[in-house]
Protein backbone atom coordinates (compact mmCIF):
# COMPACT_ATOMS: atom_id res chain seq x y z
CA UNK A 1 -104.48 75.41 -101.15
CA UNK A 2 -102.30 77.29 -103.50
CA UNK A 3 -101.51 78.22 -107.01
CA UNK A 4 -98.71 79.82 -108.92
CA UNK A 5 -99.67 82.75 -111.09
CA UNK A 6 -98.29 82.42 -114.59
CA UNK A 7 -98.16 85.04 -117.29
CA UNK A 8 -98.01 83.06 -120.49
CA UNK A 9 -96.48 84.49 -123.65
CA UNK A 10 -95.60 82.76 -126.86
CA UNK A 11 -91.86 82.87 -126.28
CA UNK A 12 -91.54 82.49 -122.50
CA UNK A 13 -93.43 81.99 -119.30
CA UNK A 14 -92.91 84.35 -116.38
CA UNK A 15 -94.11 83.15 -113.02
CA UNK A 16 -95.23 85.44 -110.24
CA UNK A 17 -95.90 84.18 -106.76
CA UNK A 18 -98.90 85.39 -104.81
CA UNK A 19 -97.61 85.14 -101.20
CA UNK A 20 -100.97 84.11 -99.75
CA UNK A 21 -101.27 81.19 -102.16
CA UNK A 22 -98.21 79.11 -101.26
CA UNK A 23 -94.57 78.90 -102.18
CA UNK A 24 -93.38 78.05 -105.68
CA UNK A 25 -89.75 77.74 -106.64
CA UNK A 26 -88.51 79.51 -109.72
CA UNK A 27 -88.72 77.18 -112.73
CA UNK A 28 -84.98 77.67 -113.37
CA UNK A 29 -84.09 75.91 -110.14
CA UNK A 30 -83.23 72.20 -110.15
CA UNK A 31 -86.26 70.11 -109.19
CA UNK A 32 -84.67 66.71 -109.78
CA UNK A 33 -84.86 65.83 -106.09
CA UNK A 34 -88.54 66.85 -106.02
CA UNK A 35 -89.71 64.99 -109.12
CA UNK A 36 -93.37 64.07 -109.28
CA UNK A 37 -94.84 61.72 -111.86
CA UNK A 38 -97.67 63.77 -113.36
CA UNK A 39 -98.69 60.78 -115.54
CA UNK A 40 -99.24 58.16 -112.84
CA UNK A 41 -102.43 56.16 -112.39
CA UNK A 42 -104.77 56.67 -115.32
CA UNK A 43 -103.49 60.18 -116.03
CA UNK A 44 -102.26 60.78 -119.56
CA UNK A 45 -99.47 63.32 -119.98
CA UNK A 46 -100.09 65.42 -123.07
CA UNK A 47 -96.85 66.63 -124.65
CA UNK A 48 -98.02 67.69 -128.12
CA UNK A 49 -101.03 69.38 -129.72
CA UNK A 50 -101.54 66.22 -131.75
CA UNK A 51 -101.58 64.15 -128.55
CA UNK A 52 -104.22 66.53 -127.13
CA UNK A 53 -106.37 66.21 -130.26
CA UNK A 54 -106.08 62.42 -130.12
CA UNK A 55 -107.12 62.17 -126.44
CA UNK A 56 -110.01 64.62 -126.86
CA UNK A 57 -111.21 62.77 -129.96
CA UNK A 58 -111.08 59.40 -128.13
CA UNK A 59 -113.05 60.86 -125.20
CA UNK A 60 -115.63 62.43 -127.51
CA UNK A 61 -116.04 59.14 -129.39
CA UNK A 62 -116.53 57.30 -126.09
CA UNK A 63 -118.87 59.99 -124.69
CA UNK A 64 -116.49 60.67 -121.78
CA UNK A 65 -115.92 63.83 -119.81
CA UNK A 66 -112.29 64.98 -119.70
CA UNK A 67 -110.56 66.39 -116.62
CA UNK A 68 -107.48 68.43 -117.56
CA UNK A 69 -104.74 69.60 -115.21
CA UNK A 70 -102.64 72.45 -116.57
CA UNK A 71 -99.56 72.11 -114.40
CA UNK A 72 -95.83 72.78 -114.11
CA UNK A 73 -93.04 70.62 -112.70
CA UNK A 74 -91.56 73.54 -110.73
CA UNK A 75 -94.88 74.41 -109.05
CA UNK A 76 -95.14 73.28 -105.42
CA UNK A 77 -98.97 73.23 -105.30
CA UNK A 78 -98.99 71.23 -108.57
CA UNK A 79 -96.65 68.64 -107.05
CA UNK A 80 -98.76 68.57 -103.90
CA UNK A 81 -102.03 67.79 -105.68
CA UNK A 82 -100.59 65.37 -108.26
CA UNK A 83 -100.99 62.24 -106.06
CA UNK A 84 -104.68 63.04 -105.40
CA UNK A 85 -105.27 63.66 -109.12
CA UNK A 86 -103.69 60.26 -109.87
CA UNK A 87 -105.79 58.58 -107.19
CA UNK A 88 -108.99 60.12 -108.59
CA UNK A 89 -108.03 58.93 -112.08
CA UNK A 90 -107.85 55.37 -110.82
CA UNK A 91 -111.06 55.64 -108.82
CA UNK A 92 -113.11 57.11 -111.67
CA UNK A 93 -112.16 55.34 -114.93
CA UNK A 94 -115.36 56.58 -116.60
CA UNK A 95 -113.60 59.96 -116.88
CA UNK A 96 -110.50 60.77 -118.93
CA UNK A 97 -107.70 62.49 -116.98
CA UNK A 98 -105.07 64.56 -118.77
CA UNK A 99 -102.12 66.64 -117.59
CA UNK A 100 -100.59 69.41 -119.70
CA UNK A 101 -97.22 70.87 -118.67
CA UNK A 102 -97.51 74.60 -119.36
CA UNK A 103 -93.75 74.83 -119.98
CA UNK A 104 -93.80 72.08 -122.61
CA UNK A 105 -96.89 73.41 -124.43
CA UNK A 106 -96.56 77.16 -123.94
CA UNK A 107 -98.59 78.34 -126.94
CA UNK A 108 -101.27 75.74 -126.36
CA UNK A 109 -101.56 76.68 -122.68
CA UNK A 110 -101.79 80.31 -123.68
CA UNK A 111 -104.72 79.50 -125.95
CA UNK A 112 -106.55 78.18 -122.82
CA UNK A 113 -105.77 81.46 -121.00
CA UNK A 114 -103.84 79.74 -118.21
CA UNK A 115 -102.88 82.39 -115.68
CA UNK A 116 -102.07 80.14 -112.71
CA UNK A 117 -101.01 76.59 -112.04
CA UNK A 118 -102.57 74.25 -111.35
CA UNK A 119 -105.71 75.03 -113.38
CA UNK A 120 -108.22 72.24 -113.88
CA UNK A 121 -110.82 72.14 -116.62
CA UNK A 122 -113.70 69.73 -117.07
CA UNK A 123 -114.56 69.30 -120.73
CA UNK A 124 -117.44 67.69 -122.60
CA UNK A 125 -117.12 67.34 -126.37
CA UNK A 126 -113.94 69.45 -126.13
CA UNK A 127 -115.78 72.36 -124.53
CA UNK A 128 -115.28 73.72 -121.00
CA UNK A 129 -118.09 72.89 -118.58
CA UNK A 130 -116.26 73.71 -115.35
CA UNK A 131 -112.96 75.16 -114.08
CA UNK A 132 -110.97 75.19 -110.86
CA UNK A 133 -107.88 77.35 -110.29
CA UNK A 134 -105.48 76.31 -107.55
CA UNK A 135 -104.59 73.21 -105.58
CA UNK A 136 -107.86 73.04 -103.64
CA UNK A 137 -108.06 69.31 -102.83
CA UNK A 138 -111.58 69.28 -101.32
CA UNK A 139 -113.03 71.30 -104.19
CA UNK A 140 -111.31 69.12 -106.85
CA UNK A 141 -112.60 65.97 -105.16
CA UNK A 142 -116.10 67.42 -104.90
CA UNK A 143 -116.20 68.38 -108.60
CA UNK A 144 -114.89 65.01 -109.79
CA UNK A 145 -117.14 62.96 -107.50
CA UNK A 146 -120.15 65.00 -108.59
CA UNK A 147 -119.20 64.55 -112.24
CA UNK A 148 -118.65 60.79 -111.84
CA UNK A 149 -121.99 60.47 -110.01
CA UNK A 150 -123.78 62.33 -112.81
CA UNK A 151 -122.16 60.02 -115.41
CA UNK A 152 -123.21 56.97 -113.36
CA UNK A 153 -126.82 58.24 -113.20
CA UNK A 154 -126.97 58.79 -116.97
CA UNK A 155 -125.61 55.31 -117.74
CA UNK A 156 -128.23 53.57 -115.57
C-alpha cells in the first residue's frame, strides 16, 4: 500500500513523499522505461475538462456509477495499482472507469482537493459517494465488488 502526497496549486504540483507510504520518484525524472498504460482495459483516460464532462454525462444518462482514479505517471504506487484497476474495469463493465492524470489536469485535480496519488472516487450522478486514498489493492477490490454487487441487485 502506498500513496504519494501531492500539494496541488494552480501553477505547479509539488510532491512530498511520506516515507511509510512507499517510494515515489520525482516527477522530473525520466519514467520512459517504467511506462504504464493508465487507459488499458475499459479505463478511459480523461485529458480535458470537456472529456470529463462528456464521460460523466454518459454515465449519468446510463445510470452508471463512475470509479475515478486520480493518478500520476511518476507515482510508483499509481503504476503498481494500474493493472488491477484495468482488470477490474474489464470484470465490471456495468461501472464506468476513468483515470485523471493530476499533472495534465492540475486545476481540475485541485478542484477535487487531491492531496495524494492515487486517490479513487466513486461517483453517482457526478457526486462523490465514496473515496479511497492510496494504492490499497484489497480495499479497492472490496469497494468495487461491493458496488458492482449492489448494481446487480438493483437491476434484478
